[in-house]
Amino acid sequence: MLYEKMFNAWDSLDVETFLSCFHEEYEFIWHSSGKVTNLQNTDWDRLAALMSASDIENRRCIYENNNIMIVHSIATYENGSRDAVMAVYLKKDGLVVRQETGATPLAAKA
């Protein structure tokens, strides 16, 4: 399914393959602000930097079918902050068409 392709690309810093997982009508809904980002106004250079700067642990696919994919992980960022991240991906034509995430701050690793 799509989970393996997306996150193998993320882990190998393969931006091109990662981007191929998104539908042309893709929208990202920012949980914190309600802002909507799409393929045209996404900063892909920032995404590439995030891919290489974040340490993702315990990533797992909670559920995936032809319509939805739900993923949970722990992300540690360059500045040392950590979040538990729940991401919900709606799918269309086998690609991600809509994404929403929620993050819960965690204590820094000791």
PDB file of N, CA and C in Angstrom:
ATOM      1  N   MET A   1       0.845  -1.182   0.000  1.00  0.00           N
ATOM      2  CA  MET A   1       0.000   0.000   0.000  1.00  0.00           C
ATOM      3  C   MET A   1       0.895   1.252   0.000  1.00  0.00           C
ATOM      4  N   LEU A   2       0.284   2.386   0.128  1.00  0.00           N
ATOM      5  CA  LEU A   2       0.993   3.653   0.008  1.00  0.00           C
ATOM      6  C   LEU A   2       1.939   3.926   1.183  1.00  0.00           C
ATOM      7  N   TYR A   3       1.588   3.459   2.364  1.00  0.00           N
ATOM      8  CA  TYR A   3       2.398   3.708   3.564  1.00  0.00           C
ATOM      9  C   TYR A   3       3.873   3.353   3.326  1.00  0.00           C
ATOM     10  N   GLU A   4       4.126   2.169   2.849  1.00  0.00           N
ATOM     11  CA  GLU A   4       5.505   1.716   2.657  1.00  0.00           C
ATOM     12  C   GLU A   4       6.259   2.599   1.668  1.00  0.00           C
ATOM     13  N   LYS A   5       5.616   2.934   0.558  1.00  0.00           N
ATOM     14  CA  LYS A   5       6.270   3.766  -0.456  1.00  0.00           C
ATOM     15  C   LYS A   5       6.605   5.149   0.111  1.00  0.00           C
ATOM     16  N   MET A   6       5.624   5.771   0.775  1.00  0.00           N
ATOM     17  CA  MET A   6       5.822   7.125   1.309  1.00  0.00           C
ATOM     18  C   MET A   6       6.962   7.184   2.311  1.00  0.00           C
ATOM     19  N   PHE A   7       6.928   6.268   3.262  1.00  0.00           N
ATOM     20  CA  PHE A   7       7.866   6.407   4.366  1.00  0.00           C
ATOM     21  C   PHE A   7       9.217   5.757   4.097  1.00  0.00           C
ATOM     22  N   ASN A   8       9.296   4.844   3.146  1.00  0.00           N
ATOM     23  CA  ASN A   8      10.608   4.416   2.665  1.00  0.00           C
ATOM     24  C   ASN A   8      11.283   5.582   1.957  1.00  0.00           C
ATOM     25  N   ALA A   9      10.502   6.351   1.186  1.00  0.00           N
ATOM     26  CA  ALA A   9      11.044   7.540   0.511  1.00  0.00           C
ATOM     27  C   ALA A   9      11.496   8.572   1.536  1.00  0.00           C
ATOM     28  N   TRP A  10      10.683   8.808   2.567  1.00  0.00           N
ATOM     29  CA  TRP A  10      11.044   9.768   3.626  1.00  0.00           C
ATOM     30  C   TRP A  10      12.359   9.345   4.276  1.00  0.00           C
ATOM     31  N   ASP A  11      12.432   8.081   4.670  1.00  0.00           N
ATOM     32  CA  ASP A  11      13.615   7.600   5.387  1.00  0.00           C
ATOM     33  C   ASP A  11      14.869   7.622   4.534  1.00  0.00           C
ATOM     34  N   SER A  12      14.722   7.480   3.223  1.00  0.00           N
ATOM     35  CA  SER A  12      15.888   7.515   2.336  1.00  0.00           C
ATOM     36  C   SER A  12      16.121   8.903   1.724  1.00  0.00           C
ATOM     37  N   LEU A  13      15.356   9.892   2.208  1.00  0.00           N
ATOM     38  CA  LEU A  13      15.480  11.288   1.744  1.00  0.00           C
ATOM     39  C   LEU A  13      15.231  11.426   0.252  1.00  0.00           C
ATOM     40  N   ASP A  14      14.327  10.620  -0.260  1.00  0.00           N
ATOM     41  CA  ASP A  14      13.983  10.604  -1.681  1.00  0.00           C
ATOM     42  C   ASP A  14      12.751  11.489  -1.899  1.00  0.00           C
ATOM     43  N   VAL A  15      12.991  12.785  -2.030  1.00  0.00           N
ATOM     44  CA  VAL A  15      11.907  13.767  -2.148  1.00  0.00           C
ATOM     45  C   VAL A  15      11.034  13.486  -3.360  1.00  0.00           C
ATOM     46  N   GLU A  16      11.649  13.132  -4.491  1.00  0.00           N
ATOM     47  CA  GLU A  16      10.884  12.886  -5.719  1.00  0.00           C
ATOM     48  C   GLU A  16       9.872  11.749  -5.538  1.00  0.00           C
ATOM     49  N   THR A  17      10.305  10.641  -4.967  1.00  0.00           N
ATOM     50  CA  THR A  17       9.384   9.523  -4.740  1.00  0.00           C
ATOM     51  C   THR A  17       8.332   9.905  -3.703  1.00  0.00           C
ATOM     52  N   PHE A  18       8.746  10.620  -2.661  1.00  0.00           N
ATOM     53  CA  PHE A  18       7.789  11.069  -1.647  1.00  0.00           C
ATOM     54  C   PHE A  18       6.702  11.921  -2.294  1.00  0.00           C
ATOM     55  N   LEU A  19       7.087  12.860  -3.138  1.00  0.00           N
ATOM     56  CA  LEU A  19       6.117  13.736  -3.800  1.00  0.00           C
ATOM     57  C   LEU A  19       5.184  12.970  -4.730  1.00  0.00           C
ATOM     58  N   SER A  20       5.649  11.873  -5.280  1.00  0.00           N
ATOM     59  CA  SER A  20       4.815  11.084  -6.190  1.00  0.00           C
ATOM     60  C   SER A  20       3.652  10.408  -5.456  1.00  0.00           C
ATOM     61  N   CYS A  21       3.641  10.469  -4.154  1.00  0.00           N
ATOM     62  CA  CYS A  21       2.571   9.864  -3.344  1.00  0.00           C
ATOM     63  C   CYS A  21       1.380  10.802  -3.170  1.00  0.00           C
ATOM     64  N   PHE A  22       1.477  12.028  -3.686  1.00  0.00           N
ATOM     65  CA  PHE A  22       0.448  13.031  -3.465  1.00  0.00           C
ATOM     66  C   PHE A  22      -0.348  13.332  -4.738  1.00  0.00           C
ATOM     67  N   HIS A  23      -1.640  13.383  -4.593  1.00  0.00           N
ATOM     68  CA  HIS A  23      -2.571  13.695  -5.672  1.00  0.00           C
ATOM     69  C   HIS A  23      -2.428  15.167  -6.054  1.00  0.00           C
ATOM     70  N   GLU A  24      -2.717  15.499  -7.289  1.00  0.00           N
ATOM     71  CA  GLU A  24      -2.608  16.907  -7.735  1.00  0.00           C
ATOM     72  C   GLU A  24      -3.554  17.829  -6.972  1.00  0.00           C
ATOM     73  N   GLU A  25      -4.611  17.295  -6.365  1.00  0.00           N
ATOM     74  CA  GLU A  25      -5.556  18.095  -5.574  1.00  0.00           C
ATOM     75  C   GLU A  25      -5.210  18.108  -4.085  1.00  0.00           C
ATOM     76  N   TYR A  26      -4.028  17.672  -3.718  1.00  0.00           N
ATOM     77  CA  TYR A  26      -3.587  17.546  -2.325  1.00  0.00           C
ATOM     78  C   TYR A  26      -3.773  18.830  -1.528  1.00  0.00           C
ATOM     79  N   GLU A  27      -4.253  18.654  -0.280  1.00  0.00           N
ATOM     80  CA  GLU A  27      -4.351  19.744   0.686  1.00  0.00           C
ATOM     81  C   GLU A  27      -3.837  19.248   2.034  1.00  0.00           C
ATOM     82  N   PHE A  28      -3.068  20.093   2.693  1.00  0.00           N
ATOM     83  CA  PHE A  28      -2.618  19.825   4.055  1.00  0.00           C
ATOM     84  C   PHE A  28      -3.310  20.827   4.959  1.00  0.00           C
ATOM     85  N   ILE A  29      -4.036  20.332   5.941  1.00  0.00           N
ATOM     86  CA  ILE A  29      -4.740  21.193   6.885  1.00  0.00           C
ATOM     87  C   ILE A  29      -3.898  21.272   8.157  1.00  0.00           C
ATOM     88  N   TRP A  30      -3.468  22.472   8.520  1.00  0.00           N
ATOM     89  CA  TRP A  30      -2.652  22.672   9.717  1.00  0.00           C
ATOM     90  C   TRP A  30      -3.564  22.687  10.936  1.00  0.00           C
ATOM     91  N   HIS A  31      -3.410  21.703  11.785  1.00  0.00           N
ATOM     92  CA  HIS A  31      -4.226  21.569  12.992  1.00  0.00           C
ATOM     93  C   HIS A  31      -4.098  22.808  13.878  1.00  0.00           C
ATOM     94  N   SER A  32      -2.901  23.343  13.988  1.00  0.00           N
ATOM     95  CA  SER A  32      -2.644  24.455  14.909  1.00  0.00           C
ATOM     96  C   SER A  32      -3.277  25.770  14.467  1.00  0.00           C
ATOM     97  N   SER A  33      -3.410  25.974  13.148  1.00  0.00           N
ATOM     98  CA  SER A  33      -3.872  27.279  12.676  1.00  0.00           C
ATOM     99  C   SER A  33      -5.073  27.229  11.736  1.00  0.00           C
ATOM    100  N   GLY A  34      -5.391  26.055  11.215  1.00  0.00           N
ATOM    101  CA  GLY A  34      -6.456  25.947  10.225  1.00  0.00           C
ATOM    102  C   GLY A  34      -5.994  26.309   8.823  1.00  0.00           C
ATOM    103  N   LYS A  35      -4.721  26.711   8.689  1.00  0.00           N
ATOM    104  CA  LYS A  35      -4.156  27.062   7.384  1.00  0.00           C
ATOM    105  C   LYS A  35      -4.212  25.852   6.448  1.00  0.00           C
ATOM    106  N   VAL A  36      -4.435  26.108   5.169  1.00  0.00           N
ATOM    107  CA  VAL A  36      -4.467  25.046   4.163  1.00  0.00           C
ATOM    108  C   VAL A  36      -3.291  25.248   3.209  1.00  0.00           C
ATOM    109  N   THR A  37      -2.514  24.199   3.038  1.00  0.00           N
ATOM    110  CA  THR A  37      -1.387  24.208   2.106  1.00  0.00           C
ATOM    111  C   THR A  37      -1.697  23.206   1.004  1.00  0.00           C
ATOM    112  N   ASN A  38      -1.282  23.523  -0.222  1.00  0.00           N
ATOM    113  CA  ASN A  38      -1.463  22.567  -1.315  1.00  0.00           C
ATOM    114  C   ASN A  38      -0.131  22.361  -2.028  1.00  0.00           C
ATOM    115  N   LEU A  39      -0.119  21.604  -3.092  1.00  0.00           N
ATOM    116  CA  LEU A  39       1.140  21.336  -3.794  1.00  0.00           C
ATOM    117  C   LEU A  39       1.772  22.593  -4.356  1.00  0.00           C
ATOM    118  N   GLN A  40       0.952  23.568  -4.741  1.00  0.00           N
ATOM    119  CA  GLN A  40       1.477  24.781  -5.349  1.00  0.00           C
ATOM    120  C   GLN A  40       2.129  25.713  -4.330  1.00  0.00           C
ATOM    121  N   ASN A  41       1.663  25.714  -3.082  1.00  0.00           N
ATOM    122  CA  ASN A  41       2.235  26.652  -2.122  1.00  0.00           C
ATOM    123  C   ASN A  41       3.003  25.970  -0.989  1.00  0.00           C
ATOM    124  N   THR A  42       3.431  24.742  -1.207  1.00  0.00           N
ATOM    125  CA  THR A  42       4.245  24.031  -0.232  1.00  0.00           C
ATOM    126  C   THR A  42       5.717  24.326  -0.486  1.00  0.00           C
ATOM    127  N   ASP A  43       6.459  24.560   0.576  1.00  0.00           N
ATOM    128  CA  ASP A  43       7.891  24.812   0.478  1.00  0.00           C
ATOM    129  C   ASP A  43       8.609  23.460   0.505  1.00  0.00           C
ATOM    130  N   TRP A  44       8.875  22.918  -0.685  1.00  0.00           N
ATOM    131  CA  TRP A  44       9.456  21.579  -0.780  1.00  0.00           C
ATOM    132  C   TRP A  44      10.910  21.562  -0.336  1.00  0.00           C
ATOM    133  N   ASP A  45      11.613  22.688  -0.435  1.00  0.00           N
ATOM    134  CA  ASP A  45      12.972  22.751   0.092  1.00  0.00           C
ATOM    135  C   ASP A  45      12.946  22.610   1.614  1.00  0.00           C
ATOM    136  N   ARG A  46      11.958  23.238   2.234  1.00  0.00           N
ATOM    137  CA  ARG A  46      11.795  23.114   3.688  1.00  0.00           C
ATOM    138  C   ARG A  46      11.458  21.670   4.060  1.00  0.00           C
ATOM    139  N   LEU A  47      10.630  21.038   3.239  1.00  0.00           N
ATOM    140  CA  LEU A  47      10.292  19.641   3.481  1.00  0.00           C
ATOM    141  C   LEU A  47      11.541  18.774   3.414  1.00  0.00           C
ATOM    142  N   ALA A  48      12.368  18.979   2.407  1.00  0.00           N
ATOM    143  CA  ALA A  48      13.598  18.201   2.271  1.00  0.00           C
ATOM    144  C   ALA A  48      14.506  18.413   3.480  1.00  0.00           C
ATOM    145  N   ALA A  49      14.573  19.648   3.967  1.00  0.00           N
ATOM    146  CA  ALA A  49      15.385  19.931   5.154  1.00  0.00           C
ATOM    147  C   ALA A  49      14.808  19.227   6.380  1.00  0.00           C
ATOM    148  N   LEU A  50      13.497  19.231   6.502  1.00  0.00           N
ATOM    149  CA  LEU A  50      12.833  18.557   7.621  1.00  0.00           C
ATOM    150  C   LEU A  50      13.075  17.048   7.564  1.00  0.00           C
ATOM    151  N   MET A  51      13.036  16.486   6.365  1.00  0.00           N
ATOM    152  CA  MET A  51      13.270  15.058   6.204  1.00  0.00           C
ATOM    153  C   MET A  51      14.634  14.668   6.754  1.00  0.00           C
ATOM    154  N   SER A  52      15.631  15.497   6.508  1.00  0.00           N
ATOM    155  CA  SER A  52      16.977  15.152   6.953  1.00  0.00           C
ATOM    156  C   SER A  52      17.258  15.580   8.392  1.00  0.00           C
ATOM    157  N   ALA A  53      16.513  16.543   8.906  1.00  0.00           N
ATOM    158  CA  ALA A  53      16.802  17.080  10.241  1.00  0.00           C
ATOM    159  C   ALA A  53      15.989  16.433  11.352  1.00  0.00           C
ATOM    160  N   SER A  54      14.911  15.759  11.027  1.00  0.00           N
ATOM    161  CA  SER A  54      14.083  15.163  12.077  1.00  0.00           C
ATOM    162  C   SER A  54      14.447  13.695  12.271  1.00  0.00           C
ATOM    163  N   ASP A  55      14.321  13.268  13.511  1.00  0.00           N
ATOM    164  CA  ASP A  55      14.556  11.869  13.853  1.00  0.00           C
ATOM    165  C   ASP A  55      13.200  11.267  14.182  1.00  0.00           C
ATOM    166  N   ILE A  56      12.753  10.331  13.367  1.00  0.00           N
ATOM    167  CA  ILE A  56      11.437   9.717  13.541  1.00  0.00           C
ATOM    168  C   ILE A  56      11.621   8.352  14.190  1.00  0.00           C
ATOM    169  N   GLU A  57      10.889   8.128  15.269  1.00  0.00           N
ATOM    170  CA  GLU A  57      10.967   6.829  15.923  1.00  0.00           C
ATOM    171  C   GLU A  57       9.559   6.266  16.127  1.00  0.00           C
ATOM    172  N   ASN A  58       9.508   4.975  16.232  1.00  0.00           N
ATOM    173  CA  ASN A  58       8.245   4.269  16.496  1.00  0.00           C
ATOM    174  C   ASN A  58       7.144   4.600  15.492  1.00  0.00           C
ATOM    175  N   ARG A  59       7.513   4.889  14.233  1.00  0.00           N
ATOM    176  CA  ARG A  59       6.484   5.162  13.225  1.00  0.00           C
ATOM    177  C   ARG A  59       5.754   3.865  12.926  1.00  0.00           C
ATOM    178  N   ARG A  60       4.447   3.979  12.896  1.00  0.00           N
ATOM    179  CA  ARG A  60       3.653   2.807  12.553  1.00  0.00           C
ATOM    180  C   ARG A  60       2.368   3.216  11.875  1.00  0.00           C
ATOM    181  N   CYS A  61       1.938   2.354  10.997  1.00  0.00           N
ATOM    182  CA  CYS A  61       0.665   2.552  10.315  1.00  0.00           C
ATOM    183  C   CYS A  61      -0.411   1.928  11.197  1.00  0.00           C
ATOM    184  N   ILE A  62      -1.308   2.749  11.697  1.00  0.00           N
ATOM    185  CA  ILE A  62      -2.408   2.276  12.536  1.00  0.00           C
ATOM    186  C   ILE A  62      -3.445   1.567  11.672  1.00  0.00           C
ATOM    187  N   TYR A  63      -3.713   2.168  10.491  1.00  0.00           N
ATOM    188  CA  TYR A  63      -4.721   1.605   9.595  1.00  0.00           C
ATOM    189  C   TYR A  63      -4.515   2.177   8.204  1.00  0.00           C
ATOM    190  N   GLU A  64      -4.735   1.338   7.198  1.00  0.00           N
ATOM    191  CA  GLU A  64      -4.723   1.815   5.807  1.00  0.00           C
ATOM    192  C   GLU A  64      -5.659   0.956   4.971  1.00  0.00           C
ATOM    193  N   ASN A  65      -6.446   1.637   4.149  1.00  0.00           N
ATOM    194  CA  ASN A  65      -7.230   0.965   3.110  1.00  0.00           C
ATOM    195  C   ASN A  65      -7.190   1.849   1.866  1.00  0.00           C
ATOM    196  N   ASN A  66      -8.083   1.653   0.923  1.00  0.00           N
ATOM    197  CA  ASN A  66      -8.063   2.439  -0.315  1.00  0.00           C
ATOM    198  C   ASN A  66      -8.470   3.889  -0.115  1.00  0.00           C
ATOM    199  N   ASN A  67      -9.072   4.224   1.046  1.00  0.00           N
ATOM    200  CA  ASN A  67      -9.600   5.568   1.267  1.00  0.00           C
ATOM    201  C   ASN A  67      -8.856   6.380   2.310  1.00  0.00           C
ATOM    202  N   ILE A  68      -8.160   5.714   3.221  1.00  0.00           N
ATOM    203  CA  ILE A  68      -7.573   6.423   4.360  1.00  0.00           C
ATOM    204  C   ILE A  68      -6.323   5.709   4.848  1.00  0.00           C
ATOM    205  N   MET A  69      -5.414   6.510   5.422  1.00  0.00           N
ATOM    206  CA  MET A  69      -4.218   5.964   6.064  1.00  0.00           C
ATOM    207  C   MET A  69      -4.008   6.767   7.341  1.00  0.00           C
ATOM    208  N   ILE A  70      -3.788   6.070   8.454  1.00  0.00           N
ATOM    209  CA  ILE A  70      -3.570   6.721   9.740  1.00  0.00           C
ATOM    210  C   ILE A  70      -2.208   6.271  10.265  1.00  0.00           C
ATOM    211  N   VAL A  71      -1.358   7.250  10.590  1.00  0.00           N
ATOM    212  CA  VAL A  71       0.023   6.971  10.971  1.00  0.00           C
ATOM    213  C   VAL A  71       0.340   7.689  12.282  1.00  0.00           C
ATOM    214  N   HIS A  72       1.061   7.016  13.170  1.00  0.00           N
ATOM    215  CA  HIS A  72       1.512   7.624  14.421  1.00  0.00           C
ATOM    216  C   HIS A  72       3.023   7.490  14.518  1.00  0.00           C
ATOM    217  N   SER A  73       3.679   8.508  15.048  1.00  0.00           N
ATOM    218  CA  SER A  73       5.130   8.457  15.232  1.00  0.00           C
ATOM    219  C   SER A  73       5.553   9.430  16.326  1.00  0.00           C
ATOM    220  N   ILE A  74       6.802   9.310  16.721  1.00  0.00           N
ATOM    221  CA  ILE A  74       7.436  10.269  17.628  1.00  0.00           C
ATOM    222  C   ILE A  74       8.508  10.978  16.808  1.00  0.00           C
ATOM    223  N   ALA A  75       8.456  12.294  16.790  1.00  0.00           N
ATOM    224  CA  ALA A  75       9.420  13.082  16.014  1.00  0.00           C
ATOM    225  C   ALA A  75      10.278  13.912  16.963  1.00  0.00           C
ATOM    226  N   THR A  76      11.584  13.824  16.782  1.00  0.00           N
ATOM    227  CA  THR A  76      12.522  14.670  17.509  1.00  0.00           C
ATOM    228  C   THR A  76      13.161  15.591  16.479  1.00  0.00           C
ATOM    229  N   TYR A  77      13.124  16.891  16.764  1.00  0.00           N
ATOM    230  CA  TYR A  77      13.593  17.890  15.810  1.00  0.00           C
ATOM    231  C   TYR A  77      14.994  18.375  16.173  1.00  0.00           C
ATOM    232  N   GLU A  78      15.588  19.084  15.237  1.00  0.00           N
ATOM    233  CA  GLU A  78      16.960  19.570  15.366  1.00  0.00           C
ATOM    234  C   GLU A  78      17.180  20.363  16.653  1.00  0.00           C
ATOM    235  N   ASN A  79      16.156  21.101  17.085  1.00  0.00           N
ATOM    236  CA  ASN A  79      16.293  21.924  18.293  1.00  0.00           C
ATOM    237  C   ASN A  79      16.086  21.129  19.580  1.00  0.00           C
ATOM    238  N   GLY A  80      15.846  19.807  19.465  1.00  0.00           N
ATOM    239  CA  GLY A  80      15.678  18.956  20.633  1.00  0.00           C
ATOM    240  C   GLY A  80      14.240  18.752  21.066  1.00  0.00           C
ATOM    241  N   SER A  81      13.305  19.520  20.507  1.00  0.00           N
ATOM    242  CA  SER A  81      11.906  19.337  20.883  1.00  0.00           C
ATOM    243  C   SER A  81      11.383  18.027  20.290  1.00  0.00           C
ATOM    244  N   ARG A  82      10.380  17.459  20.959  1.00  0.00           N
ATOM    245  CA  ARG A  82       9.813  16.179  20.541  1.00  0.00           C
ATOM    246  C   ARG A  82       8.301  16.280  20.532  1.00  0.00           C
ATOM    247  N   ASP A  83       7.675  15.591  19.583  1.00  0.00           N
ATOM    248  CA  ASP A  83       6.217  15.540  19.481  1.00  0.00           C
ATOM    249  C   ASP A  83       5.772  14.115  19.191  1.00  0.00           C
ATOM    250  N   ALA A  84       4.633  13.749  19.758  1.00  0.00           N
ATOM    251  CA  ALA A  84       3.911  12.566  19.300  1.00  0.00           C
ATOM    252  C   ALA A  84       3.002  13.078  18.194  1.00  0.00           C
ATOM    253  N   VAL A  85       3.069  12.480  17.017  1.00  0.00           N
ATOM    254  CA  VAL A  85       2.343  12.998  15.849  1.00  0.00           C
ATOM    255  C   VAL A  85       1.365  11.942  15.324  1.00  0.00           C
ATOM    256  N   MET A  86       0.107  12.351  15.208  1.00  0.00           N
ATOM    257  CA  MET A  86      -0.916  11.515  14.584  1.00  0.00           C
ATOM    258  C   MET A  86      -1.251  12.179  13.256  1.00  0.00           C
ATOM    259  N   ALA A  87      -1.141  11.425  12.176  1.00  0.00           N
ATOM    260  CA  ALA A  87      -1.425  11.962  10.848  1.00  0.00           C
ATOM    261  C   ALA A  87      -2.515  11.120  10.195  1.00  0.00           C
ATOM    262  N   VAL A  88      -3.486  11.810   9.615  1.00  0.00           N
ATOM    263  CA  VAL A  88      -4.572  11.154   8.891  1.00  0.00           C
ATOM    264  C   VAL A  88      -4.478  11.611   7.443  1.00  0.00           C
ATOM    265  N   TYR A  89      -4.405  10.636   6.548  1.00  0.00           N
ATOM    266  CA  TYR A  89      -4.277  10.892   5.122  1.00  0.00           C
ATOM    267  C   TYR A  89      -5.503  10.324   4.416  1.00  0.00           C
ATOM    268  N   LEU A  90      -6.260  11.187   3.740  1.00  0.00           N
ATOM    269  CA  LEU A  90      -7.348  10.710   2.896  1.00  0.00           C
ATOM    270  C   LEU A  90      -6.775  10.457   1.512  1.00  0.00           C
ATOM    271  N   LYS A  91      -7.243   9.411   0.866  1.00  0.00           N
ATOM    272  CA  LYS A  91      -6.677   8.998  -0.414  1.00  0.00           C
ATOM    273  C   LYS A  91      -7.699   9.112  -1.544  1.00  0.00           C
ATOM    274  N   LYS A  92      -7.172   9.418  -2.719  1.00  0.00           N
ATOM    275  CA  LYS A  92      -7.965   9.477  -3.946  1.00  0.00           C
ATOM    276  C   LYS A  92      -7.082   8.928  -5.054  1.00  0.00           C
ATOM    277  N   ASP A  93      -7.598   8.013  -5.837  1.00  0.00           N
ATOM    278  CA  ASP A  93      -6.833   7.415  -6.932  1.00  0.00           C
ATOM    279  C   ASP A  93      -5.520   6.811  -6.432  1.00  0.00           C
ATOM    280  N   GLY A  94      -5.508   6.303  -5.200  1.00  0.00           N
ATOM    281  CA  GLY A  94      -4.325   5.669  -4.645  1.00  0.00           C
ATOM    282  C   GLY A  94      -3.269   6.615  -4.117  1.00  0.00           C
ATOM    283  N   LEU A  95      -3.572   7.928  -4.092  1.00  0.00           N
ATOM    284  CA  LEU A  95      -2.621   8.947  -3.640  1.00  0.00           C
ATOM    285  C   LEU A  95      -3.222   9.765  -2.506  1.00  0.00           C
ATOM    286  N   VAL A  96      -2.370  10.426  -1.738  1.00  0.00           N
ATOM    287  CA  VAL A  96      -2.833  11.294  -0.655  1.00  0.00           C
ATOM    288  C   VAL A  96      -3.453  12.547  -1.264  1.00  0.00           C
ATOM    289  N   VAL A  97      -4.713  12.812  -0.912  1.00  0.00           N
ATOM    290  CA  VAL A  97      -5.395  14.002  -1.417  1.00  0.00           C
ATOM    291  C   VAL A  97      -5.624  15.030  -0.305  1.00  0.00           C
ATOM    292  N   ARG A  98      -5.627  14.566   0.951  1.00  0.00           N
ATOM    293  CA  ARG A  98      -5.841  15.477   2.079  1.00  0.00           C
ATOM    294  C   ARG A  98      -5.107  14.915   3.281  1.00  0.00           C
ATOM    295  N   GLN A  99      -4.477  15.819   4.031  1.00  0.00           N
ATOM    296  CA  GLN A  99      -3.707  15.405   5.199  1.00  0.00           C
ATOM    297  C   GLN A  99      -3.996  16.347   6.354  1.00  0.00           C
ATOM    298  N   GLU A 100      -4.206  15.770   7.518  1.00  0.00           N
ATOM    299  CA  GLU A 100      -4.321  16.545   8.749  1.00  0.00           C
ATOM    300  C   GLU A 100      -3.464  15.871   9.799  1.00  0.00           C
ATOM    301  N   THR A 101      -2.801  16.677  10.612  1.00  0.00           N
ATOM    302  CA  THR A 101      -1.990  16.122  11.681  1.00  0.00           C
ATOM    303  C   THR A 101      -2.326  16.812  12.992  1.00  0.00           C
ATOM    304  N   GLY A 102      -2.062  16.115  14.042  1.00  0.00           N
ATOM    305  CA  GLY A 102      -2.142  16.673  15.384  1.00  0.00           C
ATOM    306  C   GLY A 102      -0.878  16.262  16.108  1.00  0.00           C
ATOM    307  N   ALA A 103      -0.310  17.156  16.888  1.00  0.00           N
ATOM    308  CA  ALA A 103       0.947  16.868  17.592  1.00  0.00           C
ATOM    309  C   ALA A 103       0.792  17.179  19.066  1.00  0.00           C
ATOM    310  N   THR A 104       1.330  16.311  19.883  1.00  0.00           N
ATOM    311  CA  THR A 104       1.354  16.500  21.325  1.00  0.00           C
ATOM    312  C   THR A 104       2.809  16.646  21.747  1.00  0.00           C
ATOM    313  N   PRO A 105       3.167  17.775  22.355  1.00  0.00           N
ATOM    314  CA  PRO A 105       4.560  17.960  22.791  1.00  0.00           C
ATOM    315  C   PRO A 105       4.943  16.905  23.849  1.00  0.00           C
ATOM    316  N   LEU A 106       6.165  16.417  23.741  1.00  0.00           N
ATOM    317  CA  LEU A 106       6.710  15.460  24.698  1.00  0.00           C
ATOM    318  C   LEU A 106       7.953  16.061  25.363  1.00  0.00           C
ATOM    319  N   ALA A 107       8.321  15.514  26.490  1.00  0.00           N
ATOM    320  CA  ALA A 107       9.558  15.945  27.150  1.00  0.00           C
ATOM    321  C   ALA A 107      10.747  15.569  26.286  1.00  0.00           C
ATOM    322  N   ALA A 108      11.777  16.367  26.353  1.00  0.00           N
ATOM    323  CA  ALA A 108      13.010  16.073  25.616  1.00  0.00           C
ATOM    324  C   ALA A 108      13.632  14.799  26.162  1.00  0.00           C
ATOM    325  N   LYS A 109      14.347  14.095  25.305  1.00  0.00           N
ATOM    326  CA  LYS A 109      15.053  12.891  25.739  1.00  0.00           C
ATOM    327  C   LYS A 109      16.145  13.265  26.733  1.00  0.00           C
ATOM    328  N   ALA A 110      16.287  12.431  27.716  1.00  0.00           N
ATOM    329  CA  ALA A 110      17.333  12.698  28.734  1.00  0.00           C
ATOM    330  C   ALA A 110      18.686  12.233  28.244  1.00  0.00           C
TER     331      ALA A 110
END
